[in-house]
Amino acid sequence: MQGYLAIVLHAHLPFVRHPEHEKFLEESWLFEAVTETYIPLIQILENWQRDGIDAKLTLSLSPTLCTMLGDSLLRARYEKHLNGLIELAEKEIHRTHWDRAFRELAWMYHHKFSLARETWRYYKGNLVNCFKKFQDEDRIEIITTGATHGLLPLLANHPPSIRAQILMARDHYRSCFGRDPRGIWLPECAYVSGVEEFLQEANIRWFILDTHGILHATPRPRYGTFAPIFTPNGIAAFGRDFDSSRQVWSKHEGYPGDPRYRDFYRDVGFDLDFDYVKPHLPSPQNRGFTGMKYYRITGVAAQKEIYKRDVALQAASEHATHFLNERVAQIQKLAGLLDRPPLVVAPYDAELFGHWWYEGPEFLDFFARKAFNDQKDISLITPGEYLGRHPTNQVATPSASSWGEEGYLRAWLNETNAWIYPHLQVAQERMSGLVKKFAKVAQASSLSASTGKKLSKANELKIRALKQAARELLLAQASDWPFILRAGTSPDYARRRVKDHLLRFIALHDQLTATSVDEKWLAEIESRDNLFPDVDWNYWK
C-alpha cells in the first residue's frame, strides 16, 4: 500500500415540511433523494458487507436531513410517494406493451422502485438508524455539518450564531447516533478564521476545505492537499483534491456528462399526457419530475436517443476503472516525492450519485470493488482513521475559502440575496439579547432539570417561545435559501421561507419583550417547524 483515498459524501437538504398542505412540491426534494440516492447507497453498503468488500466511506448527514428522515409525517408521505411510483411504472408497462425498448425501461423502473420499497420497509422507514448501524459496524464514518447549514463566514459578525450552528449540530448528532461527531463538513466547505474555537468546544477534531483553503494556508503546507494540516489549536483540516474533483464534477470533463448516461431532464412528467401523469406529479396542478426518464444525454442537440441501461452500466464500469487508474498513478507519483503515504481526499455532494447522475451509485460500487480486488497501491480510508494512523502533521492557518463559485462567497452574497443579511444580523443580536434578558428563566430551567422541581406555567411558556425563536433563527440562516435565490430554481419559495422565519422570530421577540406569548399561535408554529426539540437557546449567550 502506497497511499490513501478518502471518499466523502455530503448528504444535505434544507428542512422542508408542510403539514398544512396535503401535497407540497418542495417536499419532493426529499422523496427524490431517498429513492435515487440514500436507498441505493444503503443497498450498496449491504452488498459490500455481504461480499466482504472492505471499502470505507465517510458520510456527512446534515441535522435537517436527519430530522426529515425521522419525521413520521414525511415518512408516511414518502411511502405513499413510493407506492405511487410503482403504480406509475405498472401503468407504463401496460402502455408500452408493443414498444419493447420502452417496455424494458418501464420494467427496470418497476424493479428498482420495488427494491427501494423492500429496503424501506425492511428498515421500517428508519434510514438514519440504518446508517447508524453501518457506523457501529465500522463500515462508514458519519460526520455532521452546521445545524441548518448556515454559511459560517456570513455569520462571523455574530460569533454566538456560529457557536449555535456547531453546538446544535453536535447535540443533534448525539441524539441520532449515540456518540459525538469527530468530523464536520463546514457548510459549503466555507472557512472563516475563528471557527476552530467552537469546533474545539464541540470536541470536533477535523473538517474539510476546498483546495485553495489549504494551498493558501500560512505557512504554505509542505505536502499540499495530500496531508492534513493542524490549525493552531490542533484541529485537522483536510483539502479537496483537484484532479479527483475535476473528473467527477467538471461540467465539460466530468463523467456524468457522458452521452451514454440517462438524461436528467427528459421525464415522463413532461412528455406524456397531463391527465395520465397528474396523480404522480409532485404538484398536481403543474408538470414536474416523476423519476421515470426514457432518454439518454445523447449530445447537446434537443433530439435525444432512448436510454440503454446495459450501455450506461458499461460506461459506469469504464469510468470507475479510469478513476481508479488515475488515482493509482497519482498515488504512485506522489509516493516517490513525499516522506509519508499521500492522502487524496475526494468530497462530493451525495445527491450527485443517483439523483443528478443516475448511474452514480453503480460507479461507486464498481470503483470500490475494483479498488478492493484489482490493486494494492491505494487503500480507502476515512479522515478520522487517517489521523489515527498519522497523528503528527504540520501546523498552519487555513485561508478563507469555500467550494462555491470562484472559491469564495459569491453564490450566497450577491444582488439576488444580499437583502437577507442585514435582517439576519438584527435577529441574531436580538436572540443574544433574549438570552441575557431571560437569564433567570434559564437558571430556573436548569434548577428544575437537576432537582425535578416543576417550573411555573409562565416560565414554561417563555422557554417554549425562546426555543421556537432559536428554531426560526436557525432556519432563516440556512445557506440553501440564498443559493436558490441566486440559482433561480425556486426563488419564490426560498424568499418566502426566509421572510416567514424572520417574521416569526420578530413576533416571538416582541411577545417575549413587549406583550405576552400567544400560546395558541406558538403551538401552531411549533408543530410546523418542529426540528430540534431540545434546542438550547443559551448557545446564543
Protein backbone atom coordinates (compact mmCIF):
# COMPACT_ATOMS: atom_id res chain seq x y z
CA MET A 1 0.00 0.00 0.00
CA GLN A 2 1.47 3.33 -1.10
CA GLY A 3 -1.27 5.80 -0.21
CA TYR A 4 -4.86 6.50 0.79
CA LEU A 5 -8.10 7.69 -0.81
CA ALA A 6 -10.87 9.23 1.32
CA ILE A 7 -14.25 9.48 -0.43
CA VAL A 8 -16.54 11.85 1.47
CA LEU A 9 -20.23 12.18 0.55
CA HIS A 10 -22.15 15.17 1.86
CA ALA A 11 -25.87 14.43 2.23
CA HIS A 12 -27.90 17.54 2.95
CA LEU A 13 -31.30 19.02 2.17
CA PRO A 14 -32.98 22.08 3.68
CA PHE A 15 -35.75 21.50 6.19
CA VAL A 16 -38.97 21.33 4.15
CA ARG A 17 -42.11 20.14 5.91
CA HIS A 18 -45.58 21.49 5.27
CA PRO A 19 -48.28 19.71 7.30
CA GLU A 20 -50.71 22.47 6.33
CA HIS A 21 -50.79 21.08 2.77
CA GLU A 22 -51.76 17.57 1.68
CA LYS A 23 -49.09 17.59 -1.05
CA PHE A 24 -46.28 20.09 -1.37
CA LEU A 25 -43.93 20.45 -4.33
CA GLU A 26 -40.69 21.10 -2.42
CA GLU A 27 -41.17 18.04 -0.21
CA SER A 28 -40.39 16.05 -3.36
CA TRP A 29 -36.74 17.12 -2.97
CA LEU A 30 -36.51 14.69 -0.06
CA PHE A 31 -38.53 11.95 -1.74
CA GLU A 32 -36.39 12.02 -4.89
CA ALA A 33 -33.16 11.91 -2.88
CA VAL A 34 -34.37 8.98 -0.77
CA THR A 35 -35.36 6.93 -3.83
CA GLU A 36 -32.41 7.80 -6.05
CA THR A 37 -29.52 8.36 -3.62
CA TYR A 38 -29.96 7.29 0.01
CA ILE A 39 -31.64 3.92 -0.52
CA PRO A 40 -29.26 2.93 -3.38
CA LEU A 41 -26.33 3.84 -1.10
CA ILE A 42 -27.74 1.62 1.64
CA GLN A 43 -28.18 -1.22 -0.87
CA ILE A 44 -24.55 -0.83 -1.99
CA LEU A 45 -23.28 -0.88 1.59
CA GLU A 46 -25.33 -4.01 2.27
CA ASN A 47 -23.87 -5.70 -0.80
CA TRP A 48 -20.31 -4.76 0.17
CA GLN A 49 -20.91 -6.26 3.58
CA ARG A 50 -22.37 -9.44 2.04
CA ASP A 51 -19.42 -9.82 -0.35
CA GLY A 52 -16.69 -8.96 2.13
CA ILE A 53 -15.71 -5.72 0.36
CA ASP A 54 -13.79 -3.52 2.80
CA ALA A 55 -14.41 -0.06 1.34
CA LYS A 56 -14.58 2.73 3.90
CA LEU A 57 -16.73 5.76 3.13
CA THR A 58 -17.27 8.97 5.03
CA LEU A 59 -20.85 10.23 5.03
CA SER A 60 -21.95 13.66 6.18
CA LEU A 61 -25.61 13.62 7.25
CA SER A 62 -26.97 17.08 7.96
CA PRO A 63 -29.18 17.63 11.02
CA THR A 64 -32.02 18.94 8.85
CA LEU A 65 -31.87 15.85 6.62
CA CYS A 66 -31.80 13.50 9.61
CA THR A 67 -34.75 15.35 11.13
CA MET A 68 -36.80 14.92 7.95
CA LEU A 69 -35.80 11.27 7.58
CA GLY A 70 -37.03 10.68 11.13
CA ASP A 71 -40.27 12.67 10.84
CA SER A 72 -43.39 10.48 10.95
CA LEU A 73 -45.40 12.75 8.64
CA LEU A 74 -42.71 12.87 5.95
CA ARG A 75 -42.04 9.14 6.24
CA ALA A 76 -45.73 8.40 5.68
CA ARG A 77 -45.81 10.78 2.73
CA TYR A 78 -42.68 9.20 1.28
CA GLU A 79 -44.14 5.70 1.40
CA LYS A 80 -47.25 6.99 -0.36
CA HIS A 81 -44.99 8.64 -2.95
CA LEU A 82 -43.05 5.40 -3.49
CA ASN A 83 -46.24 3.40 -3.89
CA GLY A 84 -47.32 5.96 -6.49
CA LEU A 85 -44.06 5.44 -8.42
CA ILE A 86 -44.68 1.70 -8.52
CA GLU A 87 -48.22 2.31 -9.76
CA LEU A 88 -46.90 4.63 -12.47
CA ALA A 89 -44.35 2.00 -13.54
CA GLU A 90 -47.13 -0.58 -13.76
CA LYS A 91 -49.18 1.77 -15.93
CA GLU A 92 -46.13 2.33 -18.13
CA ILE A 93 -45.55 -1.42 -18.54
CA HIS A 94 -49.07 -1.69 -19.98
CA ARG A 95 -48.84 1.50 -22.04
CA THR A 96 -45.56 0.45 -23.69
CA HIS A 97 -46.60 -3.17 -24.27
CA TRP A 98 -45.92 -3.02 -28.03
CA ASP A 99 -42.74 -0.94 -27.76
CA ARG A 100 -40.06 -3.28 -26.49
CA ALA A 101 -37.32 -0.72 -25.73
CA PHE A 102 -39.60 1.48 -23.64
CA ARG A 103 -41.27 -1.53 -22.02
CA GLU A 104 -37.90 -2.86 -20.83
CA LEU A 105 -37.17 0.50 -19.23
CA ALA A 106 -40.61 0.54 -17.59
CA TRP A 107 -39.83 -2.89 -16.13
CA MET A 108 -36.43 -1.61 -14.96
CA TYR A 109 -38.07 1.24 -13.07
CA HIS A 110 -40.69 -1.09 -11.60
CA HIS A 111 -37.93 -3.38 -10.37
CA LYS A 112 -35.85 -0.54 -8.87
CA PHE A 113 -38.85 1.11 -7.18
CA SER A 114 -39.98 -2.26 -5.78
CA LEU A 115 -36.49 -2.96 -4.41
CA ALA A 116 -36.44 0.51 -2.87
CA ARG A 117 -39.74 -0.24 -1.13
CA GLU A 118 -38.36 -3.55 0.16
CA THR A 119 -35.34 -1.76 1.63
CA TRP A 120 -37.51 1.00 3.08
CA ARG A 121 -39.84 -1.48 4.76
CA TYR A 122 -37.01 -3.74 5.96
CA TYR A 123 -35.62 -0.82 7.96
CA LYS A 124 -39.17 0.28 8.92
CA GLY A 125 -38.53 3.60 7.19
CA ASN A 126 -35.75 4.48 9.65
CA LEU A 127 -32.83 5.23 7.33
CA VAL A 128 -30.93 7.20 9.98
CA ASN A 129 -30.86 4.13 12.20
CA CYS A 130 -29.69 2.10 9.21
CA PHE A 131 -26.72 4.41 8.66
CA LYS A 132 -26.05 4.29 12.41
CA LYS A 133 -25.84 0.51 12.16
CA PHE A 134 -23.22 0.76 9.41
CA GLN A 135 -21.18 3.18 11.54
CA ASP A 136 -21.47 0.97 14.63
CA GLU A 137 -20.13 -1.91 12.49
CA ASP A 138 -17.20 0.32 11.42
CA ARG A 139 -18.26 0.27 7.76
CA ILE A 140 -18.57 4.05 7.43
CA GLU A 141 -17.78 7.19 9.40
CA ILE A 142 -20.66 9.63 9.81
CA ILE A 143 -19.87 13.31 10.33
CA THR A 144 -22.08 16.33 10.86
CA THR A 145 -22.46 19.81 9.36
CA GLY A 146 -23.98 23.10 10.54
CA ALA A 147 -27.32 22.69 12.33
CA THR A 148 -29.25 24.20 9.41
CA HIS A 149 -26.28 24.52 7.04
CA GLY A 150 -25.77 28.19 7.86
CA LEU A 151 -22.86 29.71 5.95
CA LEU A 152 -20.43 30.37 8.79
CA PRO A 153 -18.34 33.19 7.22
CA LEU A 154 -21.54 35.21 6.73
CA LEU A 155 -22.39 34.72 10.42
CA ALA A 156 -18.95 35.87 11.57
CA ASN A 157 -20.22 39.32 12.62
CA HIS A 158 -22.11 37.49 15.37
CA PRO A 159 -19.91 34.66 16.74
CA PRO A 160 -22.65 33.20 19.00
CA SER A 161 -24.53 32.28 15.81
CA ILE A 162 -21.55 30.23 14.59
CA ARG A 163 -21.39 28.64 18.04
CA ALA A 164 -25.08 27.74 17.93
CA GLN A 165 -24.83 26.21 14.44
CA ILE A 166 -21.95 23.98 15.57
CA LEU A 167 -23.11 23.03 19.07
CA MET A 168 -26.67 22.30 17.93
CA ALA A 169 -25.25 20.07 15.19
CA ARG A 170 -23.23 18.18 17.80
CA ASP A 171 -26.25 17.80 20.10
CA HIS A 172 -28.43 16.53 17.29
CA TYR A 173 -25.74 14.08 16.17
CA ARG A 174 -25.67 12.66 19.70
CA SER A 175 -29.43 12.10 19.64
CA CYS A 176 -29.21 10.26 16.31
CA PHE A 177 -26.01 8.25 16.61
CA GLY A 178 -25.35 7.87 20.33
CA ARG A 179 -21.89 9.43 20.24
CA ASP A 180 -20.19 12.73 19.45
CA PRO A 181 -19.12 13.56 15.89
CA ARG A 182 -15.39 13.55 15.27
CA GLY A 183 -15.56 15.40 11.97
CA ILE A 184 -17.65 18.14 10.40
CA TRP A 185 -18.43 19.27 6.88
CA LEU A 186 -18.29 23.04 7.19
CA PRO A 187 -21.37 24.21 5.24
CA GLU A 188 -20.31 24.82 1.63
CA CYS A 189 -16.74 23.97 2.80
CA ALA A 190 -16.65 27.64 3.81
CA TYR A 191 -13.93 28.51 6.30
CA VAL A 192 -13.58 31.66 8.37
CA SER A 193 -10.89 32.32 10.95
CA GLY A 194 -12.16 31.72 14.48
CA VAL A 195 -14.45 28.79 13.70
CA GLU A 196 -11.90 26.47 15.38
CA GLU A 197 -12.79 27.89 18.80
CA PHE A 198 -16.30 26.50 18.53
CA LEU A 199 -15.20 23.26 16.88
CA GLN A 200 -12.91 22.74 19.86
CA GLU A 201 -15.77 23.42 22.27
CA ALA A 202 -17.80 20.74 20.44
CA ASN A 203 -14.80 18.36 20.57
CA ILE A 204 -14.77 18.08 16.78
CA ARG A 205 -11.34 17.04 15.57
CA TRP A 206 -11.33 17.63 11.80
CA PHE A 207 -13.03 19.36 8.88
CA ILE A 208 -12.77 19.59 5.08
CA LEU A 209 -11.80 22.60 2.97
CA ASP A 210 -11.66 23.30 -0.73
CA THR A 211 -8.25 23.02 -2.39
CA HIS A 212 -7.22 26.67 -2.11
CA GLY A 213 -8.19 26.82 1.56
CA ILE A 214 -5.22 24.51 2.20
CA LEU A 215 -2.84 25.65 -0.55
CA HIS A 216 -3.09 29.29 0.56
CA ALA A 217 -2.63 28.46 4.25
CA THR A 218 0.01 30.25 6.31
CA PRO A 219 2.70 28.97 6.31
CA ARG A 220 2.40 27.16 2.97
CA PRO A 221 1.70 23.44 3.59
CA ARG A 222 4.67 21.23 2.84
CA TYR A 223 2.51 18.39 1.46
CA GLY A 224 -0.11 20.49 -0.36
CA THR A 225 -3.53 18.86 -0.11
CA PHE A 226 -2.02 15.36 0.23
CA ALA A 227 -1.85 15.51 4.02
CA PRO A 228 -3.96 17.44 6.51
CA ILE A 229 -2.74 20.47 8.41
CA PHE A 230 -3.42 21.22 12.05
CA THR A 231 -4.86 24.61 12.86
CA PRO A 232 -3.04 26.35 15.76
CA ASN A 233 -5.50 24.86 18.27
CA GLY A 234 -4.93 21.31 16.98
CA ILE A 235 -7.96 20.69 14.76
CA ALA A 236 -7.14 18.99 11.45
CA ALA A 237 -8.13 20.49 8.09
CA PHE A 238 -8.23 18.24 5.01
CA GLY A 239 -8.10 19.73 1.49
CA ARG A 240 -10.11 18.63 -1.53
CA ASP A 241 -8.04 17.03 -4.28
CA PHE A 242 -8.32 18.98 -7.52
CA ASP A 243 -7.92 16.12 -10.00
CA SER A 244 -10.40 13.67 -8.48
CA SER A 245 -12.88 16.53 -8.16
CA ARG A 246 -12.49 17.60 -11.79
CA GLN A 247 -13.02 14.09 -13.16
CA VAL A 248 -16.40 13.80 -11.46
CA TRP A 249 -17.65 17.39 -11.04
CA SER A 250 -16.43 19.18 -14.17
CA LYS A 251 -19.23 20.36 -16.43
CA HIS A 252 -17.15 19.65 -19.53
CA GLU A 253 -14.80 16.83 -18.47
CA GLY A 254 -16.75 15.06 -15.72
CA TYR A 255 -18.03 11.52 -16.11
CA PRO A 256 -21.74 12.38 -15.56
CA GLY A 257 -21.84 14.26 -18.89
CA ASP A 258 -21.12 11.12 -20.95
CA PRO A 259 -23.79 10.84 -23.69
CA ARG A 260 -24.48 7.20 -22.73
CA TYR A 261 -25.86 8.18 -19.33
CA ARG A 262 -29.50 8.89 -18.57
CA ASP A 263 -30.71 12.40 -19.27
CA PHE A 264 -31.94 14.11 -16.10
CA TYR A 265 -34.41 16.50 -17.69
CA ARG A 266 -36.44 14.31 -20.10
CA ASP A 267 -39.09 12.95 -17.74
CA VAL A 268 -42.48 11.40 -18.47
CA GLY A 269 -43.95 14.09 -16.22
CA PHE A 270 -43.30 16.49 -19.11
CA ASP A 271 -43.53 14.11 -22.07
CA LEU A 272 -46.84 12.28 -21.52
CA ASP A 273 -50.48 13.36 -21.38
CA PHE A 274 -51.06 15.60 -18.38
CA ASP A 275 -54.16 13.80 -17.07
CA TYR A 276 -52.31 10.47 -17.34
CA VAL A 277 -49.35 11.58 -15.19
CA LYS A 278 -51.23 14.04 -12.95
CA PRO A 279 -51.72 11.61 -10.00
CA HIS A 280 -47.96 11.04 -9.88
CA LEU A 281 -46.71 14.62 -10.13
CA PRO A 282 -45.13 16.34 -7.10
CA SER A 283 -47.59 19.22 -7.55
CA PRO A 284 -50.92 18.10 -9.04
CA GLN A 285 -51.51 21.39 -10.83
CA ASN A 286 -48.17 21.56 -12.63
CA ARG A 287 -45.98 19.31 -14.71
CA GLY A 288 -42.85 18.10 -12.96
CA PHE A 289 -40.40 15.28 -12.45
CA THR A 290 -41.67 11.79 -11.66
CA GLY A 291 -38.32 10.00 -11.78
CA MET A 292 -39.17 7.94 -14.87
CA LYS A 293 -36.95 9.04 -17.74
CA TYR A 294 -36.54 7.15 -21.02
CA TYR A 295 -33.77 9.03 -22.81
CA ARG A 296 -30.01 9.34 -22.60
CA ILE A 297 -27.95 12.53 -22.70
CA THR A 298 -27.05 11.81 -26.36
CA GLY A 299 -25.45 15.22 -27.00
CA VAL A 300 -26.09 18.95 -26.97
CA ALA A 301 -28.91 18.74 -29.53
CA ALA A 302 -32.53 18.68 -28.38
CA GLN A 303 -33.14 15.36 -30.09
CA LYS A 304 -32.48 12.55 -27.60
CA GLU A 305 -31.98 8.83 -28.15
CA ILE A 306 -33.51 6.14 -25.97
CA TYR A 307 -31.66 5.19 -22.82
CA LYS A 308 -29.92 1.82 -22.86
CA ARG A 309 -29.30 0.57 -19.36
CA ASP A 310 -26.64 -2.02 -20.24
CA VAL A 311 -24.65 0.54 -22.24
CA ALA A 312 -24.87 3.06 -19.39
CA LEU A 313 -23.65 0.49 -16.87
CA GLN A 314 -20.75 -0.34 -19.15
CA ALA A 315 -19.88 3.36 -19.20
CA ALA A 316 -20.01 3.46 -15.39
CA SER A 317 -17.66 0.47 -15.23
CA GLU A 318 -15.24 2.10 -17.68
CA HIS A 319 -15.28 5.35 -15.73
CA ALA A 320 -14.72 3.51 -12.44
CA THR A 321 -11.69 1.80 -13.99
CA HIS A 322 -10.39 5.12 -15.32
CA PHE A 323 -10.90 6.83 -11.95
CA LEU A 324 -9.08 4.01 -10.16
CA ASN A 325 -6.19 4.02 -12.63
CA GLU A 326 -5.86 7.79 -12.31
CA ARG A 327 -5.79 7.59 -8.51
CA VAL A 328 -3.24 4.76 -8.56
CA ALA A 329 -0.98 6.74 -10.94
CA GLN A 330 -1.42 9.84 -8.80
CA ILE A 331 -0.55 7.98 -5.59
CA GLN A 332 2.44 6.24 -7.17
CA LYS A 333 3.86 9.54 -8.36
CA LEU A 334 3.31 11.26 -5.01
CA ALA A 335 4.69 8.33 -3.02
CA GLY A 336 8.04 8.88 -4.73
CA LEU A 337 8.07 12.54 -3.72
CA LEU A 338 6.71 12.56 -0.16
CA ASP A 339 8.14 11.09 3.02
CA ARG A 340 4.74 9.76 4.10
CA PRO A 341 1.89 7.89 2.37
CA PRO A 342 -0.07 10.52 0.39
CA LEU A 343 -3.76 11.04 1.06
CA VAL A 344 -6.21 12.01 -1.70
CA VAL A 345 -9.47 13.49 -0.35
CA ALA A 346 -12.43 13.30 -2.76
CA PRO A 347 -15.51 15.09 -1.35
CA TYR A 348 -18.80 15.24 -3.28
CA ASP A 349 -22.46 16.06 -2.77
CA ALA A 350 -24.09 12.70 -2.04
CA GLU A 351 -27.08 13.60 -4.21
CA LEU A 352 -24.83 13.68 -7.28
CA PHE A 353 -24.75 9.89 -7.06
CA GLY A 354 -28.16 8.68 -8.18
CA HIS A 355 -30.24 11.84 -8.31
CA TRP A 356 -28.27 14.01 -10.73
CA TRP A 357 -26.06 11.23 -12.08
CA TYR A 358 -28.39 8.24 -12.28
CA GLU A 359 -25.57 5.72 -12.68
CA GLY A 360 -23.52 7.31 -9.88
CA PRO A 361 -24.27 4.58 -7.29
CA GLU A 362 -23.14 1.91 -9.78
CA PHE A 363 -19.98 3.93 -10.44
CA LEU A 364 -19.24 3.92 -6.69
CA ASP A 365 -19.97 0.20 -6.49
CA PHE A 366 -17.76 -0.67 -9.47
CA PHE A 367 -14.97 1.54 -8.16
CA ALA A 368 -14.96 0.09 -4.64
CA ARG A 369 -14.96 -3.49 -5.93
CA LYS A 370 -12.13 -2.80 -8.37
CA ALA A 371 -10.14 -0.96 -5.70
CA PHE A 372 -10.56 -3.89 -3.30
CA ASN A 373 -9.89 -6.71 -5.77
CA ASP A 374 -7.67 -5.38 -8.56
CA GLN A 375 -4.86 -3.38 -6.93
CA LYS A 376 -2.79 -2.96 -3.76
CA ASP A 377 -1.46 0.59 -4.15
CA ILE A 378 -4.26 2.57 -2.50
CA SER A 379 -6.46 1.92 0.48
CA LEU A 380 -9.86 3.50 1.08
CA ILE A 381 -9.83 5.29 4.42
CA THR A 382 -11.79 7.88 6.40
CA PRO A 383 -10.14 11.14 7.53
CA GLY A 384 -10.67 10.09 11.13
CA GLU A 385 -8.81 6.82 10.52
CA TYR A 386 -6.00 8.69 8.78
CA LEU A 387 -5.46 10.88 11.85
CA GLY A 388 -5.30 7.76 13.99
CA ARG A 389 -2.50 6.39 11.82
CA HIS A 390 -0.72 9.72 11.22
CA PRO A 391 -1.25 11.92 14.29
CA THR A 392 1.65 14.29 13.58
CA ASN A 393 1.01 16.98 10.96
CA GLN A 394 2.14 20.48 10.04
CA VAL A 395 0.60 23.44 11.88
CA ALA A 396 -0.80 26.17 9.60
CA THR A 397 -3.72 28.59 9.45
CA PRO A 398 -6.12 27.90 6.55
CA SER A 399 -7.16 30.56 4.08
CA ALA A 400 -10.69 31.96 3.81
CA SER A 401 -12.41 29.87 1.16
CA SER A 402 -15.46 27.89 0.06
CA TRP A 403 -16.19 25.33 -2.64
CA GLY A 404 -18.70 27.64 -4.27
CA GLU A 405 -18.50 29.80 -7.38
CA GLU A 406 -14.99 31.26 -7.80
CA GLY A 407 -13.95 29.69 -4.50
CA TYR A 408 -15.43 32.24 -2.12
CA LEU A 409 -18.91 33.51 -1.17
CA ARG A 410 -20.30 34.97 -4.38
CA ALA A 411 -23.05 32.35 -4.73
CA TRP A 412 -24.51 33.31 -1.32
CA LEU A 413 -23.83 37.06 -1.29
CA ASN A 414 -24.85 38.93 -4.43
CA GLU A 415 -27.52 41.20 -5.83
CA THR A 416 -30.23 38.50 -5.57
CA ASN A 417 -29.82 37.71 -1.88
CA ALA A 418 -27.80 40.44 -0.12
CA TRP A 419 -31.05 41.79 1.37
CA ILE A 420 -31.18 38.78 3.73
CA TYR A 421 -28.11 39.56 5.83
CA PRO A 422 -28.99 42.89 7.50
CA HIS A 423 -32.21 41.27 8.73
CA LEU A 424 -30.31 38.21 9.95
CA GLN A 425 -27.81 40.42 11.78
CA VAL A 426 -30.58 42.20 13.67
CA ALA A 427 -32.32 38.93 14.54
CA GLN A 428 -29.06 37.36 15.73
CA GLU A 429 -28.32 40.28 18.02
CA ARG A 430 -31.87 40.18 19.34
CA MET A 431 -31.51 36.46 20.07
CA SER A 432 -28.47 37.17 22.22
CA GLY A 433 -30.49 39.94 23.88
CA LEU A 434 -33.21 37.43 24.74
CA VAL A 435 -30.66 35.12 26.34
CA LYS A 436 -29.44 37.98 28.50
CA LYS A 437 -32.96 39.21 29.38
CA PHE A 438 -34.18 35.76 30.41
CA ALA A 439 -31.09 34.60 32.29
CA LYS A 440 -33.18 33.97 35.41
CA VAL A 441 -35.57 31.81 33.42
CA ALA A 442 -32.57 29.81 32.21
CA GLN A 443 -31.41 29.39 35.83
CA ALA A 444 -34.88 28.23 36.87
CA SER A 445 -34.94 25.74 33.99
CA SER A 446 -31.52 24.38 34.95
CA LEU A 447 -32.62 24.04 38.58
CA SER A 448 -35.80 22.26 37.52
CA ALA A 449 -33.81 19.79 35.41
CA SER A 450 -31.44 18.96 38.28
CA THR A 451 -33.98 18.80 41.13
CA GLY A 452 -37.18 17.74 39.37
CA LYS A 453 -38.97 20.79 40.71
CA LYS A 454 -41.74 21.83 38.32
CA LEU A 455 -41.42 25.15 36.51
CA SER A 456 -44.17 27.72 36.72
CA LYS A 457 -46.55 27.78 33.77
CA ALA A 458 -45.37 31.29 32.88
CA ASN A 459 -41.74 30.18 32.74
CA GLU A 460 -42.63 27.05 30.77
CA LEU A 461 -44.34 29.22 28.15
CA LYS A 462 -41.38 31.60 27.98
CA ILE A 463 -38.96 28.70 27.48
CA ARG A 464 -41.13 27.27 24.70
CA ALA A 465 -41.15 30.69 23.00
CA LEU A 466 -37.38 31.09 23.42
CA LYS A 467 -36.77 27.64 21.92
CA GLN A 468 -39.02 28.42 18.98
CA ALA A 469 -37.29 31.75 18.43
CA ALA A 470 -34.00 29.81 18.23
CA ARG A 471 -35.50 27.37 15.70
CA GLU A 472 -36.84 30.15 13.50
CA LEU A 473 -33.48 31.94 13.52
CA LEU A 474 -31.60 28.74 12.68
CA LEU A 475 -33.96 28.05 9.78
CA ALA A 476 -33.59 31.60 8.45
CA GLN A 477 -29.78 31.17 8.48
CA ALA A 478 -29.75 28.16 6.09
CA SER A 479 -27.38 28.66 3.15
CA ASP A 480 -29.90 26.94 0.88
CA TRP A 481 -32.18 29.97 0.59
CA PRO A 482 -29.62 32.48 -0.77
CA PHE A 483 -28.21 29.77 -3.03
CA ILE A 484 -31.65 29.04 -4.52
CA LEU A 485 -32.27 32.77 -4.98
CA ARG A 486 -29.02 33.03 -6.97
CA ALA A 487 -29.68 29.85 -8.98
CA GLY A 488 -33.27 30.90 -9.73
CA THR A 489 -34.64 27.35 -9.30
CA SER A 490 -37.39 28.05 -6.72
CA PRO A 491 -36.80 31.72 -5.84
CA ASP A 492 -40.34 32.50 -4.66
CA TYR A 493 -40.27 29.62 -2.22
CA ALA A 494 -36.79 30.49 -0.91
CA ARG A 495 -37.76 34.15 -0.47
CA ARG A 496 -40.94 33.18 1.36
CA ARG A 497 -39.06 30.82 3.68
CA VAL A 498 -36.55 33.48 4.74
CA LYS A 499 -39.29 36.04 5.33
CA ASP A 500 -41.58 33.62 7.18
CA HIS A 501 -38.88 32.52 9.62
CA LEU A 502 -37.68 36.08 10.26
CA LEU A 503 -41.23 37.35 10.76
CA ARG A 504 -41.98 34.53 13.20
CA PHE A 505 -38.78 35.34 15.06
CA ILE A 506 -39.71 39.04 15.24
CA ALA A 507 -43.20 38.18 16.52
CA LEU A 508 -41.78 35.86 19.19
CA HIS A 509 -39.26 38.50 20.23
CA ASP A 510 -41.99 41.13 20.54
CA GLN A 511 -44.23 38.79 22.52
CA LEU A 512 -41.39 37.92 24.91
CA THR A 513 -40.23 41.51 25.42
CA ALA A 514 -43.26 43.76 24.96
CA THR A 515 -46.58 41.91 25.14
CA SER A 516 -47.33 38.29 26.05
CA VAL A 517 -46.80 34.94 24.38
CA ASP A 518 -49.72 33.79 22.23
CA GLU A 519 -49.81 30.13 23.27
CA LYS A 520 -52.22 29.01 20.54
CA TRP A 521 -50.09 30.57 17.76
CA LEU A 522 -46.91 29.26 19.39
CA ALA A 523 -48.28 25.71 19.36
CA GLU A 524 -49.13 26.09 15.67
CA ILE A 525 -45.62 27.11 14.61
CA GLU A 526 -44.08 24.54 16.98
CA SER A 527 -45.97 21.82 15.12
CA ARG A 528 -44.87 23.21 11.75
CA ASP A 529 -41.19 23.97 12.38
CA ASN A 530 -40.70 21.03 14.72
CA LEU A 531 -36.99 20.30 14.38
CA PHE A 532 -34.54 20.28 17.33
CA PRO A 533 -37.00 19.62 20.17
CA ASP A 534 -34.19 20.16 22.73
CA VAL A 535 -32.65 23.25 21.13
CA ASP A 536 -30.52 25.15 23.66
CA TRP A 537 -31.28 28.85 23.26
CA ASN A 538 -28.47 29.66 25.68
CA TYR A 539 -25.94 28.88 22.93
CA TRP A 540 -26.52 32.47 21.73
CA LYS A 541 -25.19 33.88 25.01
